[in-house]
Amino acid sequence: MTMTLEDMAMISGLPINGQVVTGRVSAVNWRERTGNLIGVEPDPPLPGKANTSKVRHSWLKQVRGENNPCPQGANDVFVQQYARAYLWYVLTKVVFSDATGNSALWMFLELLNNWDTQYSWGSAALAYLYRQLDMACRRQGDTSSLAGFVWSLSVWMWERIPVGRPDFKNPEHPNPRGNHDGAHDVDPYRRPTLAYYWERATVYTGSSHVRYKCYMNELDTLTAEQVHWLPYVDDRGFSLNEMCTRDRHLWRARCPMICFFAVEWHFVDRVARQFGRRQGIPIEESKEEILSLHRFDRRNNQDISDWANKHRTWIQIWNQRDTLVESENRPHNQSTYQKYQVRYADRYRLKLKPGWTHEEWSELVSEDPETAEGYHTFNRAVRDTRGAHVDYAPMHGEMGRELLLCVNDANVALSHPHGGGLSERTLRSTMEKFKKRFHKMAAMLSCHGAQSSDVFAPI
């Protein structure tokens, strides 16, 4: 599963069709150019401070926000400067946030110079989010954070999978008329997006460490049958903004998505079931090509000032997006999907949590688990652990293997003729195996890994 252009459009209403979000990022005279676009120049850096091409959101709010609103009767130039400042703030605060969460990058402001240019903000937002997810899962520091359009990712998860999904404050359907002016009925572009459905969500509070482990365990035990594959067919009780579905002809385009330095592929052929289509064997991409694209980032490639020229090959492919829409229109087929799952399991890691080794299991359970020192040592460690939760992935996988062995042994025992000596001996031997395995599974259900509290190490 992954977040696609369909999800981005339905949740945010950002346009999919349009030019790629890229261009020159030269920081030469950027303060002066900022002043021309929003009407006020940022202050120069203090002595000893880095000269970066971004401003703090707090400064932007101060000079072009509630404390300094656009005056009544202002001319068109002044109004446009305020409009650019507002859009710059929203884009860099919500959609293209950086790791600090409090800075507005200059490169996005220059895109707002020409109001007539139609950009594919939706594909750029998804490309930027993909890249930030890739970077975040490889961070190991105590201050690691996730940038990008995280809000849309949360709504996507709530829509499709029952992991960390909040409850609603009240059971009533949301009413756009309550929080929007009456113009939403007249102007279809002022209606809410699908994300409005979650306006009533109850925000969870509590230990982030505890929630992290809960979500990790829930993801490890999630099955395909528990996923809501087609959430957008549900009736939400209100009319959607027309921007949500305007570019639906591009939702299944298999193409590169571009946001300045970031080029990320929209591999819809890997998630055909999310569109209700039959899941076939996806095209194998060059691993080296994908890795080479991921070597480009803003911090380590500051010598590149023209990303449009650098990524011109990928931009040319994006410009052919209308011809790159997937043609598979056969409906979802369960047997075909199961074959794909088998292939997927052979190639990729399926669990966040590393499984317990056979050595750890043998220490945990012996012929007589009540007297096994390893068993008692393990339980004492569990009792002394705070904020721990059951490590579902190792338990889930190991119990599945043990039960499958029981089924296979039972089939062998039942295949012998009834009443013979061989049948009785086989039955006794099988029951002895069952007893040992059930001891093991009983221990698994009553204990959990106190030390194995994190996911696989980043690579």
Protein backbone atom coordinates (compact mmCIF):
# COMPACT_ATOMS: atom_id res chain seq x y z
CA MET A 1 0.00 0.00 0.00
CA THR A 2 1.00 3.59 -0.49
CA MET A 3 -0.43 7.06 -0.75
CA THR A 4 -1.26 7.83 -4.39
CA LEU A 5 -2.31 10.82 -6.47
CA GLU A 6 -5.91 9.78 -5.87
CA ASP A 7 -5.42 10.07 -2.12
CA MET A 8 -3.65 13.40 -2.41
CA ALA A 9 -6.43 14.84 -4.57
CA MET A 10 -9.29 13.56 -2.42
CA ILE A 11 -7.71 14.64 0.87
CA SER A 12 -6.17 17.98 -0.08
CA GLY A 13 -7.86 19.10 -3.30
CA LEU A 14 -4.46 20.10 -4.70
CA PRO A 15 -4.34 20.00 -8.53
CA ILE A 16 -2.65 17.01 -10.16
CA ASN A 17 -2.59 18.26 -13.74
CA GLY A 18 -0.10 21.01 -14.51
CA GLN A 19 3.57 21.86 -14.76
CA VAL A 20 6.09 20.26 -12.44
CA VAL A 21 7.08 22.20 -9.33
CA THR A 22 10.72 22.97 -10.06
CA GLY A 23 13.03 25.66 -11.38
CA ARG A 24 16.04 27.67 -10.34
CA VAL A 25 16.92 27.85 -6.66
CA SER A 26 19.75 30.38 -6.74
CA ALA A 27 19.89 32.31 -3.48
CA VAL A 28 21.64 35.32 -5.03
CA ASN A 29 19.86 38.51 -3.89
CA TRP A 30 17.03 36.39 -2.49
CA ARG A 31 16.16 38.97 0.19
CA GLU A 32 15.70 41.67 -2.42
CA ARG A 33 13.64 39.31 -4.58
CA THR A 34 11.53 38.40 -1.55
CA GLY A 35 10.88 42.08 -0.97
CA ASN A 36 9.67 42.49 -4.54
CA LEU A 37 7.25 39.58 -4.18
CA ILE A 38 5.75 40.20 -0.72
CA GLY A 39 6.58 43.87 -0.17
CA VAL A 40 9.08 43.53 2.69
CA GLU A 41 12.65 42.24 2.83
CA PRO A 42 13.86 39.77 5.48
CA ASP A 43 16.48 41.08 7.87
CA PRO A 44 20.10 40.11 7.13
CA PRO A 45 21.56 37.39 9.37
CA LEU A 46 23.16 38.34 12.66
CA PRO A 47 26.96 38.15 12.87
CA GLY A 48 28.08 34.55 13.14
CA LYS A 49 24.74 33.15 11.94
CA ALA A 50 24.30 31.10 8.76
CA ASN A 51 23.06 32.97 5.69
CA THR A 52 20.21 30.65 4.68
CA SER A 53 17.60 31.29 1.98
CA LYS A 54 14.57 30.94 4.23
CA VAL A 55 12.61 32.95 6.77
CA ARG A 56 10.87 31.99 9.97
CA HIS A 57 7.11 31.64 9.87
CA SER A 58 6.89 33.87 12.94
CA TRP A 59 8.51 36.71 10.98
CA LEU A 60 6.19 36.13 8.04
CA LYS A 61 3.13 36.30 10.30
CA GLN A 62 4.44 39.46 11.91
CA VAL A 63 5.02 41.41 8.70
CA ARG A 64 2.16 40.02 6.59
CA GLY A 65 -0.20 38.39 9.05
CA GLU A 66 -2.77 39.32 11.66
CA ASN A 67 -0.47 41.89 13.24
CA ASN A 68 -0.09 43.71 9.94
CA PRO A 69 -3.14 42.97 7.76
CA CYS A 70 -3.65 44.15 4.23
CA PRO A 71 -5.12 47.67 4.46
CA GLN A 72 -8.57 48.45 3.14
CA GLY A 73 -8.53 49.92 -0.35
CA ALA A 74 -5.02 48.65 -1.13
CA ASN A 75 -4.04 48.58 -4.81
CA ASP A 76 -3.63 45.36 -6.80
CA VAL A 77 0.14 45.19 -6.30
CA PHE A 78 -0.23 45.37 -2.52
CA VAL A 79 -3.03 42.80 -2.48
CA GLN A 80 -0.98 40.39 -4.59
CA GLN A 81 2.00 40.78 -2.25
CA TYR A 82 -0.16 39.84 0.72
CA ALA A 83 -1.65 36.94 -1.22
CA ARG A 84 1.83 35.61 -2.04
CA ALA A 85 2.89 35.90 1.58
CA TYR A 86 -0.18 33.96 2.70
CA LEU A 87 0.29 31.20 0.12
CA TRP A 88 4.00 31.01 0.88
CA TYR A 89 3.16 30.52 4.54
CA VAL A 90 0.54 27.82 3.89
CA LEU A 91 2.68 25.90 1.38
CA THR A 92 5.77 25.81 3.60
CA LYS A 93 3.92 25.35 6.88
CA VAL A 94 1.54 22.58 5.80
CA VAL A 95 2.48 21.04 2.44
CA PHE A 96 6.25 21.47 2.05
CA SER A 97 7.39 21.86 5.63
CA ASP A 98 11.03 21.28 6.46
CA ALA A 99 12.40 19.30 9.40
CA THR A 100 12.29 22.36 11.69
CA GLY A 101 8.62 23.02 11.01
CA ASN A 102 9.08 26.77 11.45
CA SER A 103 10.79 27.97 8.26
CA ALA A 104 9.59 29.07 4.83
CA LEU A 105 11.97 28.10 2.02
CA TRP A 106 12.62 30.79 -0.58
CA MET A 107 12.36 28.47 -3.59
CA PHE A 108 8.59 28.04 -3.16
CA LEU A 109 7.91 31.79 -3.08
CA GLU A 110 9.38 32.40 -6.52
CA LEU A 111 6.86 29.95 -8.00
CA LEU A 112 4.12 32.41 -6.98
CA ASN A 113 5.50 35.20 -9.16
CA ASN A 114 3.19 34.39 -12.08
CA TRP A 115 -0.44 33.75 -11.13
CA ASP A 116 -1.28 32.28 -14.54
CA THR A 117 1.11 29.32 -14.31
CA GLN A 118 -0.73 26.10 -13.44
CA TYR A 119 1.42 23.82 -11.28
CA SER A 120 0.88 20.21 -10.29
CA TRP A 121 0.98 20.97 -6.58
CA GLY A 122 -0.53 17.58 -5.76
CA SER A 123 2.17 15.50 -7.44
CA ALA A 124 4.88 17.76 -5.99
CA ALA A 125 3.43 17.38 -2.49
CA LEU A 126 3.40 13.59 -2.85
CA ALA A 127 6.96 13.49 -4.22
CA TYR A 128 8.17 15.67 -1.35
CA LEU A 129 6.34 13.49 1.20
CA TYR A 130 7.79 10.29 -0.30
CA ARG A 131 11.29 11.73 -0.02
CA GLN A 132 10.76 12.89 3.56
CA LEU A 133 9.43 9.46 4.55
CA ASP A 134 12.52 7.87 3.03
CA MET A 135 14.79 10.21 4.97
CA ALA A 136 12.87 9.85 8.23
CA CYS A 137 12.97 6.05 8.29
CA ARG A 138 16.77 6.18 8.06
CA ARG A 139 17.28 8.74 10.82
CA GLN A 140 18.53 7.52 14.17
CA GLY A 141 19.01 10.68 16.23
CA ASP A 142 16.99 11.63 19.28
CA THR A 143 15.68 14.74 17.52
CA SER A 144 14.64 13.02 14.29
CA SER A 145 11.45 14.36 12.76
CA LEU A 146 9.24 13.92 9.71
CA ALA A 147 8.73 16.80 7.28
CA GLY A 148 6.34 17.20 4.37
CA PHE A 149 2.55 16.96 4.15
CA VAL A 150 2.22 14.82 7.30
CA TRP A 151 -1.38 15.90 7.88
CA SER A 152 -2.46 14.31 4.59
CA LEU A 153 -0.58 11.13 5.49
CA SER A 154 -2.52 10.91 8.77
CA VAL A 155 -5.86 11.25 7.01
CA TRP A 156 -4.80 8.65 4.42
CA MET A 157 -3.99 6.21 7.19
CA TRP A 158 -7.26 6.85 9.02
CA GLU A 159 -9.19 6.31 5.81
CA ARG A 160 -7.61 3.01 4.87
CA ILE A 161 -6.22 1.14 7.87
CA PRO A 162 -7.45 0.70 11.47
CA VAL A 163 -4.16 1.75 13.06
CA GLY A 164 -4.15 4.81 15.29
CA ARG A 165 -7.54 5.77 13.92
CA PRO A 166 -9.22 8.33 16.22
CA ASP A 167 -12.79 8.29 17.37
CA PHE A 168 -15.29 11.05 16.67
CA LYS A 169 -16.41 13.64 19.19
CA ASN A 170 -20.04 13.03 18.25
CA PRO A 171 -21.84 10.61 15.93
CA GLU A 172 -23.34 13.28 13.68
CA HIS A 173 -22.19 13.83 10.11
CA PRO A 174 -20.13 17.00 9.63
CA ASN A 175 -22.11 19.93 8.33
CA PRO A 176 -20.18 22.23 5.99
CA ARG A 177 -22.74 24.95 6.51
CA GLY A 178 -21.78 25.12 10.15
CA ASN A 179 -18.17 26.09 9.52
CA HIS A 180 -18.28 27.51 6.00
CA ASP A 181 -20.18 30.41 4.54
CA GLY A 182 -23.18 29.77 2.33
CA ALA A 183 -21.15 30.29 -0.83
CA HIS A 184 -20.02 26.66 -0.73
CA ASP A 185 -23.35 25.62 -2.25
CA VAL A 186 -22.99 28.13 -5.07
CA ASP A 187 -19.26 27.74 -5.75
CA PRO A 188 -18.22 24.05 -5.98
CA TYR A 189 -14.59 25.08 -5.46
CA ARG A 190 -15.36 26.31 -1.95
CA ARG A 191 -16.73 23.02 -0.72
CA PRO A 192 -14.62 21.00 1.72
CA THR A 193 -12.34 18.14 0.74
CA LEU A 194 -12.71 14.63 2.09
CA ALA A 195 -10.43 15.55 5.01
CA TYR A 196 -13.34 17.54 6.48
CA TYR A 197 -14.88 14.23 7.46
CA TRP A 198 -12.21 13.96 10.17
CA GLU A 199 -12.78 17.41 11.61
CA ARG A 200 -14.62 15.80 14.52
CA ALA A 201 -11.79 13.39 15.30
CA THR A 202 -10.71 13.12 18.92
CA VAL A 203 -7.00 13.79 19.23
CA TYR A 204 -5.13 11.23 21.31
CA THR A 205 -2.81 12.39 24.05
CA GLY A 206 -0.32 10.46 26.12
CA SER A 207 3.14 8.99 25.88
CA SER A 208 4.46 9.06 22.31
CA HIS A 209 6.70 6.11 23.19
CA VAL A 210 3.72 3.99 24.21
CA ARG A 211 1.71 4.97 21.13
CA TYR A 212 4.70 4.28 18.89
CA LYS A 213 4.88 0.69 20.14
CA CYS A 214 1.12 0.25 19.89
CA TYR A 215 1.00 1.41 16.27
CA MET A 216 4.04 -0.67 15.38
CA ASN A 217 2.42 -3.81 16.77
CA GLU A 218 -0.89 -3.09 15.07
CA LEU A 219 0.84 -2.64 11.72
CA ASP A 220 2.67 -5.93 12.14
CA THR A 221 -0.57 -7.87 12.63
CA LEU A 222 -2.62 -6.05 9.99
CA THR A 223 -4.13 -8.30 7.31
CA ALA A 224 -5.37 -7.47 3.82
CA GLU A 225 -8.94 -8.20 4.92
CA GLN A 226 -8.71 -5.43 7.55
CA VAL A 227 -7.79 -2.75 4.99
CA HIS A 228 -10.41 -0.43 3.51
CA TRP A 229 -9.27 -0.64 -0.09
CA LEU A 230 -11.90 1.68 -1.62
CA PRO A 231 -12.72 4.28 1.05
CA TYR A 232 -13.78 7.05 -1.30
CA VAL A 233 -16.93 5.29 -2.47
CA ASP A 234 -18.47 5.84 0.97
CA ASP A 235 -21.13 8.50 1.42
CA ARG A 236 -19.79 11.21 3.75
CA GLY A 237 -22.96 13.23 4.06
CA PHE A 238 -21.62 16.34 2.31
CA SER A 239 -20.63 17.46 -1.19
CA LEU A 240 -16.95 17.41 -2.08
CA ASN A 241 -14.92 20.20 -3.58
CA GLU A 242 -14.70 19.68 -7.34
CA MET A 243 -10.91 19.88 -7.16
CA CYS A 244 -10.95 16.49 -5.44
CA THR A 245 -11.99 14.71 -8.63
CA ARG A 246 -11.13 17.19 -11.40
CA ASP A 247 -7.94 15.36 -12.41
CA ARG A 248 -9.10 11.81 -11.80
CA HIS A 249 -7.96 10.80 -15.29
CA LEU A 250 -4.37 11.04 -13.97
CA TRP A 251 -4.80 9.10 -10.73
CA ARG A 252 -3.43 5.90 -12.27
CA ALA A 253 -0.58 7.47 -14.24
CA ARG A 254 2.66 5.56 -13.78
CA CYS A 255 5.08 8.45 -13.97
CA PRO A 256 7.75 10.39 -12.08
CA MET A 257 6.58 13.05 -9.63
CA ILE A 258 8.88 16.03 -9.20
CA CYS A 259 9.48 18.66 -6.55
CA PHE A 260 12.74 20.50 -7.23
CA PHE A 261 15.45 18.04 -6.09
CA ALA A 262 13.05 15.17 -5.37
CA VAL A 263 12.04 12.78 -8.15
CA GLU A 264 9.79 9.96 -6.94
CA TRP A 265 7.98 7.41 -9.08
CA HIS A 266 4.23 6.91 -8.84
CA PHE A 267 4.20 3.10 -8.99
CA VAL A 268 0.47 2.52 -9.25
CA ASP A 269 1.06 -0.90 -10.83
CA ARG A 270 2.21 -2.05 -7.38
CA VAL A 271 -1.03 -1.02 -5.65
CA ALA A 272 -3.70 -1.86 -8.24
CA ARG A 273 -6.07 -3.11 -5.55
CA GLN A 274 -6.32 0.42 -4.15
CA PHE A 275 -8.12 1.27 -7.39
CA GLY A 276 -10.27 -1.86 -7.38
CA ARG A 277 -8.20 -3.37 -10.19
CA ARG A 278 -6.58 -6.77 -10.57
CA GLN A 279 -3.08 -6.84 -9.12
CA GLY A 280 -0.61 -8.15 -11.66
CA ILE A 281 3.15 -8.55 -11.51
CA PRO A 282 4.60 -5.02 -11.54
CA ILE A 283 7.41 -3.87 -13.78
CA GLU A 284 10.85 -4.37 -12.26
CA GLU A 285 12.67 -1.06 -12.02
CA SER A 286 16.43 -0.55 -11.96
CA LYS A 287 17.47 -0.45 -8.33
CA GLU A 288 20.53 1.61 -9.17
CA GLU A 289 18.41 4.18 -11.00
CA ILE A 290 16.09 4.58 -8.02
CA LEU A 291 19.03 4.87 -5.63
CA SER A 292 20.71 7.45 -7.84
CA LEU A 293 17.60 9.62 -7.75
CA HIS A 294 17.56 9.42 -3.96
CA ARG A 295 21.08 10.78 -3.78
CA PHE A 296 19.75 14.20 -4.79
CA ASP A 297 18.68 16.41 -1.91
CA ARG A 298 18.72 20.07 -1.04
CA ARG A 299 21.45 19.92 1.58
CA ASN A 300 24.06 17.85 -0.26
CA ASN A 301 23.57 19.33 -3.74
CA GLN A 302 23.79 23.06 -3.11
CA ASP A 303 25.98 23.44 -6.18
CA ILE A 304 22.93 22.68 -8.34
CA SER A 305 20.98 25.88 -8.94
CA ASP A 306 18.72 24.78 -11.81
CA TRP A 307 16.77 21.64 -10.93
CA ALA A 308 14.58 22.00 -14.02
CA ASN A 309 17.63 21.45 -16.19
CA LYS A 310 19.06 18.74 -13.95
CA HIS A 311 15.86 16.69 -14.06
CA ARG A 312 14.86 17.54 -17.63
CA THR A 313 14.66 13.83 -18.59
CA TRP A 314 12.11 13.13 -15.87
CA ILE A 315 10.19 16.30 -16.66
CA GLN A 316 9.82 15.13 -20.26
CA ILE A 317 8.29 11.88 -19.00
CA TRP A 318 5.91 13.80 -16.72
CA ASN A 319 4.82 15.88 -19.70
CA GLN A 320 3.59 12.63 -21.30
CA ARG A 321 1.50 11.76 -18.23
CA ASP A 322 -1.76 11.43 -20.16
CA THR A 323 -0.30 8.52 -22.12
CA LEU A 324 1.12 6.77 -19.05
CA VAL A 325 -2.16 5.85 -17.35
CA GLU A 326 -2.38 2.16 -16.42
CA SER A 327 -4.60 0.17 -18.80
CA GLU A 328 -5.47 -2.74 -16.48
CA ASN A 329 -9.24 -2.44 -15.96
CA ARG A 330 -10.12 -5.96 -14.87
CA PRO A 331 -11.63 -5.98 -11.37
CA HIS A 332 -9.82 -7.24 -8.29
CA ASN A 333 -9.40 -11.01 -8.15
CA GLN A 334 -8.56 -12.64 -4.82
CA SER A 335 -6.59 -15.60 -6.19
CA THR A 336 -4.46 -13.33 -8.36
CA TYR A 337 -3.86 -11.04 -5.42
CA GLN A 338 -2.75 -13.94 -3.23
CA LYS A 339 -0.16 -14.92 -5.85
CA TYR A 340 1.11 -11.36 -5.77
CA GLN A 341 1.34 -11.51 -1.96
CA VAL A 342 3.48 -14.64 -2.16
CA ARG A 343 5.81 -12.94 -4.62
CA TYR A 344 5.92 -9.81 -2.48
CA ALA A 345 6.79 -11.80 0.64
CA ASP A 346 9.76 -13.36 -1.17
CA ARG A 347 11.24 -9.95 -2.02
CA TYR A 348 10.46 -7.56 0.81
CA ARG A 349 10.42 -7.39 4.58
CA LEU A 350 6.88 -7.74 5.90
CA LYS A 351 7.32 -6.96 9.60
CA LEU A 352 8.57 -3.86 11.37
CA LYS A 353 9.66 -5.88 14.39
CA PRO A 354 12.48 -8.41 14.08
CA GLY A 355 11.37 -11.92 14.97
CA TRP A 356 12.73 -13.80 17.96
CA THR A 357 15.44 -16.30 17.08
CA HIS A 358 15.18 -20.02 17.75
CA GLU A 359 17.85 -19.62 20.44
CA GLU A 360 15.67 -17.07 22.22
CA TRP A 361 12.68 -19.39 22.00
CA SER A 362 14.63 -22.34 23.40
CA GLU A 363 15.71 -20.18 26.33
CA LEU A 364 12.14 -19.07 26.88
CA VAL A 365 10.49 -22.49 26.83
CA SER A 366 11.80 -25.91 27.78
CA GLU A 367 10.25 -29.33 28.29
CA ASP A 368 8.99 -28.07 31.65
CA PRO A 369 8.47 -24.30 31.31
CA GLU A 370 7.47 -23.88 34.94
CA THR A 371 11.03 -24.70 36.06
CA ALA A 372 13.01 -23.30 33.17
CA GLU A 373 15.37 -20.61 34.42
CA GLY A 374 15.21 -18.79 31.10
CA TYR A 375 11.44 -18.67 31.38
CA HIS A 376 11.55 -17.11 34.86
CA THR A 377 14.32 -14.68 33.90
CA PHE A 378 12.28 -13.53 30.96
CA ASN A 379 9.14 -13.02 33.02
CA ARG A 380 11.03 -11.05 35.66
CA ALA A 381 12.36 -8.75 32.93
CA VAL A 382 8.81 -8.28 31.67
CA ARG A 383 7.45 -7.43 35.11
CA ASP A 384 10.14 -4.79 35.61
CA THR A 385 9.53 -3.13 32.24
CA ARG A 386 7.46 0.06 32.06
CA GLY A 387 5.47 1.18 29.04
CA ALA A 388 5.93 -2.13 27.21
CA HIS A 389 3.45 -3.78 24.93
CA VAL A 390 3.17 -7.22 23.44
CA ASP A 391 5.56 -7.70 20.53
CA TYR A 392 2.88 -8.96 18.19
CA ALA A 393 4.96 -9.56 15.09
CA PRO A 394 7.31 -12.22 16.53
CA MET A 395 4.45 -13.84 18.42
CA HIS A 396 2.16 -13.72 15.39
CA GLY A 397 4.72 -15.27 13.07
CA GLU A 398 5.96 -17.94 15.45
CA MET A 399 2.48 -19.07 16.47
CA GLY A 400 1.51 -19.34 12.81
CA ARG A 401 4.47 -21.60 12.15
CA GLU A 402 3.76 -23.77 15.19
CA LEU A 403 0.10 -24.20 14.30
CA LEU A 404 0.99 -25.13 10.72
CA LEU A 405 3.34 -27.83 12.03
CA CYS A 406 0.52 -29.15 14.20
CA VAL A 407 -1.81 -29.35 11.21
CA ASN A 408 0.79 -31.17 9.12
CA ASP A 409 1.52 -33.70 11.88
CA ALA A 410 -2.19 -34.28 12.44
CA ASN A 411 -2.65 -35.04 8.74
CA VAL A 412 0.16 -37.60 8.89
CA ALA A 413 -1.30 -39.26 11.99
CA LEU A 414 -4.78 -39.44 10.50
CA SER A 415 -3.48 -41.01 7.31
CA HIS A 416 -2.63 -44.30 9.09
CA PRO A 417 -5.27 -47.08 9.19
CA HIS A 418 -7.48 -47.04 12.26
CA GLY A 419 -6.76 -49.61 14.99
CA GLY A 420 -3.24 -50.63 14.01
CA GLY A 421 -0.19 -50.47 16.25
CA LEU A 422 1.52 -48.01 13.94
CA SER A 423 -1.51 -45.75 14.15
CA GLU A 424 -1.40 -45.70 17.97
CA ARG A 425 2.34 -45.03 18.11
CA THR A 426 2.05 -42.26 15.55
CA LEU A 427 -0.83 -40.71 17.46
CA ARG A 428 1.13 -40.75 20.73
CA SER A 429 4.18 -39.25 19.05
CA THR A 430 2.04 -36.55 17.47
CA MET A 431 0.39 -35.68 20.77
CA GLU A 432 3.82 -35.33 22.41
CA LYS A 433 4.77 -32.84 19.70
CA PHE A 434 1.50 -31.01 20.24
CA LYS A 435 2.16 -30.76 23.98
CA LYS A 436 5.57 -29.18 23.46
CA ARG A 437 4.27 -26.75 20.88
CA PHE A 438 1.29 -25.77 23.00
CA HIS A 439 3.63 -25.12 25.94
CA LYS A 440 5.58 -22.84 23.68
CA MET A 441 2.51 -21.00 22.43
CA ALA A 442 1.14 -20.67 25.96
CA ALA A 443 4.39 -19.01 26.97
CA MET A 444 4.17 -16.69 23.99
CA LEU A 445 0.68 -15.61 24.95
CA SER A 446 1.63 -14.91 28.55
CA CYS A 447 4.97 -13.22 27.91
CA HIS A 448 6.45 -10.64 25.59
CA GLY A 449 9.83 -9.29 24.57
CA ALA A 450 10.89 -6.70 27.09
CA GLN A 451 14.16 -5.86 25.36
CA SER A 452 13.09 -5.99 21.69
CA SER A 453 11.24 -2.68 21.74
CA ASP A 454 12.21 -1.09 18.45
CA VAL A 455 11.85 -1.82 14.76
CA PHE A 456 14.54 -3.09 12.44
CA ALA A 457 17.58 -0.82 12.40
CA PRO A 458 17.57 1.72 9.52
CA ILE A 459 19.58 0.81 6.43
